[in-house]
Amino acid sequence: MDTLKVSAAEFQRNIGRYQDLALRRPVAVTRNRRESTVPISREDYERLKRRDRQVLGLEDFTVADIAALEASRSPAEAHAYDREIKD
C-alpha cells in the first residue's frame, strides 16, 4: 500500500483524520517536502518496542545459523572501517 504524504501544516489542521487514516495505511508527515514522522497505532508501537528489547542467546540459534555466521565474510569495502575498531 502506498504511503500517503501530508505536510505538517495539513496534519495539524486535520489531525483526527490523519490519525484515523494511520490506523489503516501508512501516513508520512513531511517538513520541507521531506518525510519527518510516521504516526503508528499504539499496538504497532508496543510490538516494535517488544521487538527492540528481544535479546537472543546462543541457545536461540540453530546449528545451521551458527555455521552460516561462521562462514560469513565482510565485503572488501568494509575494511575501510577497520581503523574504528579499538582493542
C-alpha atoms as a PDB file:
ATOM      1  CA  MET A   1       0.000   0.000   0.000  1.00  0.00           C
ATOM      2  CA  ASP A   2       1.342   3.411  -0.937  1.00  0.00           C
ATOM      3  CA  THR A   3       2.240   5.867   1.772  1.00  0.00           C
ATOM      4  CA  LEU A   4       0.071   8.958   1.992  1.00  0.00           C
ATOM      5  CA  LYS A   5       2.280  12.043   2.315  1.00  0.00           C
ATOM      6  CA  VAL A   6       0.885  15.082   4.082  1.00  0.00           C
ATOM      7  CA  SER A   7       2.523  18.347   5.117  1.00  0.00           C
ATOM      8  CA  ALA A   8       2.959  19.095   8.804  1.00  0.00           C
ATOM      9  CA  ALA A   9       0.594  22.073   8.472  1.00  0.00           C
ATOM     10  CA  GLU A  10      -2.117  19.921   6.863  1.00  0.00           C
ATOM     11  CA  PHE A  11      -1.589  17.235   9.507  1.00  0.00           C
ATOM     12  CA  GLN A  12      -2.083  19.811  12.283  1.00  0.00           C
ATOM     13  CA  ARG A  13      -5.259  21.186  10.679  1.00  0.00           C
ATOM     14  CA  ASN A  14      -6.817  17.715  10.347  1.00  0.00           C
ATOM     15  CA  ILE A  15      -5.003  15.654  12.972  1.00  0.00           C
ATOM     16  CA  GLY A  16      -8.004  13.456  13.802  1.00  0.00           C
ATOM     17  CA  ARG A  17      -8.491  12.494  10.163  1.00  0.00           C
ATOM     18  CA  TYR A  18      -4.846  11.540   9.677  1.00  0.00           C
ATOM     19  CA  GLN A  19      -4.683   9.676  12.992  1.00  0.00           C
ATOM     20  CA  ASP A  20      -7.629   7.562  11.829  1.00  0.00           C
ATOM     21  CA  LEU A  21      -6.051   7.008   8.415  1.00  0.00           C
ATOM     22  CA  ALA A  22      -2.745   5.979  10.016  1.00  0.00           C
ATOM     23  CA  LEU A  23      -4.543   3.034  11.625  1.00  0.00           C
ATOM     24  CA  ARG A  24      -5.301   1.677   8.143  1.00  0.00           C
ATOM     25  CA  ARG A  25      -2.418   2.815   5.948  1.00  0.00           C
ATOM     26  CA  PRO A  26       0.992   4.498   6.225  1.00  0.00           C
ATOM     27  CA  VAL A  27       0.843   8.288   6.592  1.00  0.00           C
ATOM     28  CA  ALA A  28       4.092  10.257   6.342  1.00  0.00           C
ATOM     29  CA  VAL A  29       4.161  13.787   7.745  1.00  0.00           C
ATOM     30  CA  THR A  30       6.524  15.985   5.757  1.00  0.00           C
ATOM     31  CA  ARG A  31       8.523  19.089   6.611  1.00  0.00           C
ATOM     32  CA  ASN A  32      10.171  20.978   3.771  1.00  0.00           C
ATOM     33  CA  ARG A  33       8.952  18.229   1.412  1.00  0.00           C
ATOM     34  CA  ARG A  34      10.900  15.551   3.312  1.00  0.00           C
ATOM     35  CA  GLU A  35       9.273  12.807   5.353  1.00  0.00           C
ATOM     36  CA  SER A  36       9.900  13.513   9.018  1.00  0.00           C
ATOM     37  CA  THR A  37       7.483  11.348  11.015  1.00  0.00           C
ATOM     38  CA  VAL A  38       5.053   8.487  10.537  1.00  0.00           C
ATOM     39  CA  PRO A  39       2.256   8.107  13.096  1.00  0.00           C
ATOM     40  CA  ILE A  40       1.527   4.487  14.030  1.00  0.00           C
ATOM     41  CA  SER A  41      -1.049   2.720  16.149  1.00  0.00           C
ATOM     42  CA  ARG A  42      -0.392   2.035  19.820  1.00  0.00           C
ATOM     43  CA  GLU A  43      -0.421  -1.714  19.064  1.00  0.00           C
ATOM     44  CA  ASP A  44       2.267  -1.340  16.403  1.00  0.00           C
ATOM     45  CA  TYR A  45       4.324   0.842  18.734  1.00  0.00           C
ATOM     46  CA  GLU A  46       4.142  -1.760  21.518  1.00  0.00           C
ATOM     47  CA  ARG A  47       5.003  -4.554  19.071  1.00  0.00           C
ATOM     48  CA  LEU A  48       8.053  -2.659  17.842  1.00  0.00           C
ATOM     49  CA  LYS A  49       9.186  -1.853  21.385  1.00  0.00           C
ATOM     50  CA  ARG A  50       8.936  -5.532  22.383  1.00  0.00           C
ATOM     51  CA  ARG A  51      10.929  -6.496  19.321  1.00  0.00           C
ATOM     52  CA  ASP A  52      13.538  -3.846  20.174  1.00  0.00           C
ATOM     53  CA  ARG A  53      14.124  -5.446  23.549  1.00  0.00           C
ATOM     54  CA  GLN A  54      14.390  -9.011  22.316  1.00  0.00           C
ATOM     55  CA  VAL A  55      17.761 -10.427  23.244  1.00  0.00           C
ATOM     56  CA  LEU A  56      18.908 -13.675  21.727  1.00  0.00           C
ATOM     57  CA  GLY A  57      21.318 -16.065  23.350  1.00  0.00           C
ATOM     58  CA  LEU A  58      23.494 -18.631  21.645  1.00  0.00           C
ATOM     59  CA  GLU A  59      20.913 -21.277  22.523  1.00  0.00           C
ATOM     60  CA  ASP A  60      18.372 -19.449  20.320  1.00  0.00           C
ATOM     61  CA  PHE A  61      20.393 -20.191  17.176  1.00  0.00           C
ATOM     62  CA  THR A  62      20.315 -23.424  15.225  1.00  0.00           C
ATOM     63  CA  VAL A  63      23.492 -25.254  14.211  1.00  0.00           C
ATOM     64  CA  ALA A  64      22.852 -24.054  10.646  1.00  0.00           C
ATOM     65  CA  ASP A  65      22.532 -20.427  11.853  1.00  0.00           C
ATOM     66  CA  ILE A  66      25.874 -20.638  13.661  1.00  0.00           C
ATOM     67  CA  ALA A  67      27.562 -22.285  10.673  1.00  0.00           C
ATOM     68  CA  ALA A  68      26.263 -19.554   8.376  1.00  0.00           C
ATOM     69  CA  LEU A  69      27.589 -16.866  10.716  1.00  0.00           C
ATOM     70  CA  GLU A  70      30.979 -18.549  10.972  1.00  0.00           C
ATOM     71  CA  ALA A  71      31.216 -18.859   7.180  1.00  0.00           C
ATOM     72  CA  SER A  72      30.228 -15.258   6.511  1.00  0.00           C
ATOM     73  CA  ARG A  73      32.813 -12.697   5.468  1.00  0.00           C
ATOM     74  CA  SER A  74      32.528  -8.941   5.339  1.00  0.00           C
ATOM     75  CA  PRO A  75      32.809  -7.276   1.934  1.00  0.00           C
ATOM     76  CA  ALA A  76      36.180  -5.795   0.982  1.00  0.00           C
ATOM     77  CA  GLU A  77      34.721  -2.271   1.270  1.00  0.00           C
ATOM     78  CA  ALA A  78      34.156  -2.839   4.991  1.00  0.00           C
ATOM     79  CA  HIS A  79      37.901  -2.970   5.640  1.00  0.00           C
ATOM     80  CA  ALA A  80      37.976   0.823   5.253  1.00  0.00           C
ATOM     81  CA  TYR A  81      36.403   0.952   8.731  1.00  0.00           C
ATOM     82  CA  ASP A  82      38.890  -1.376  10.449  1.00  0.00           C
ATOM     83  CA  ARG A  83      40.620   1.639  11.985  1.00  0.00           C
ATOM     84  CA  GLU A  84      37.470   2.346  14.008  1.00  0.00           C
ATOM     85  CA  ILE A  85      37.788  -0.931  15.905  1.00  0.00           C
ATOM     86  CA  LYS A  86      39.559  -0.459  19.212  1.00  0.00           C
ATOM     87  CA  ASP A  87      41.233  -3.269  21.123  1.00  0.00           C
END
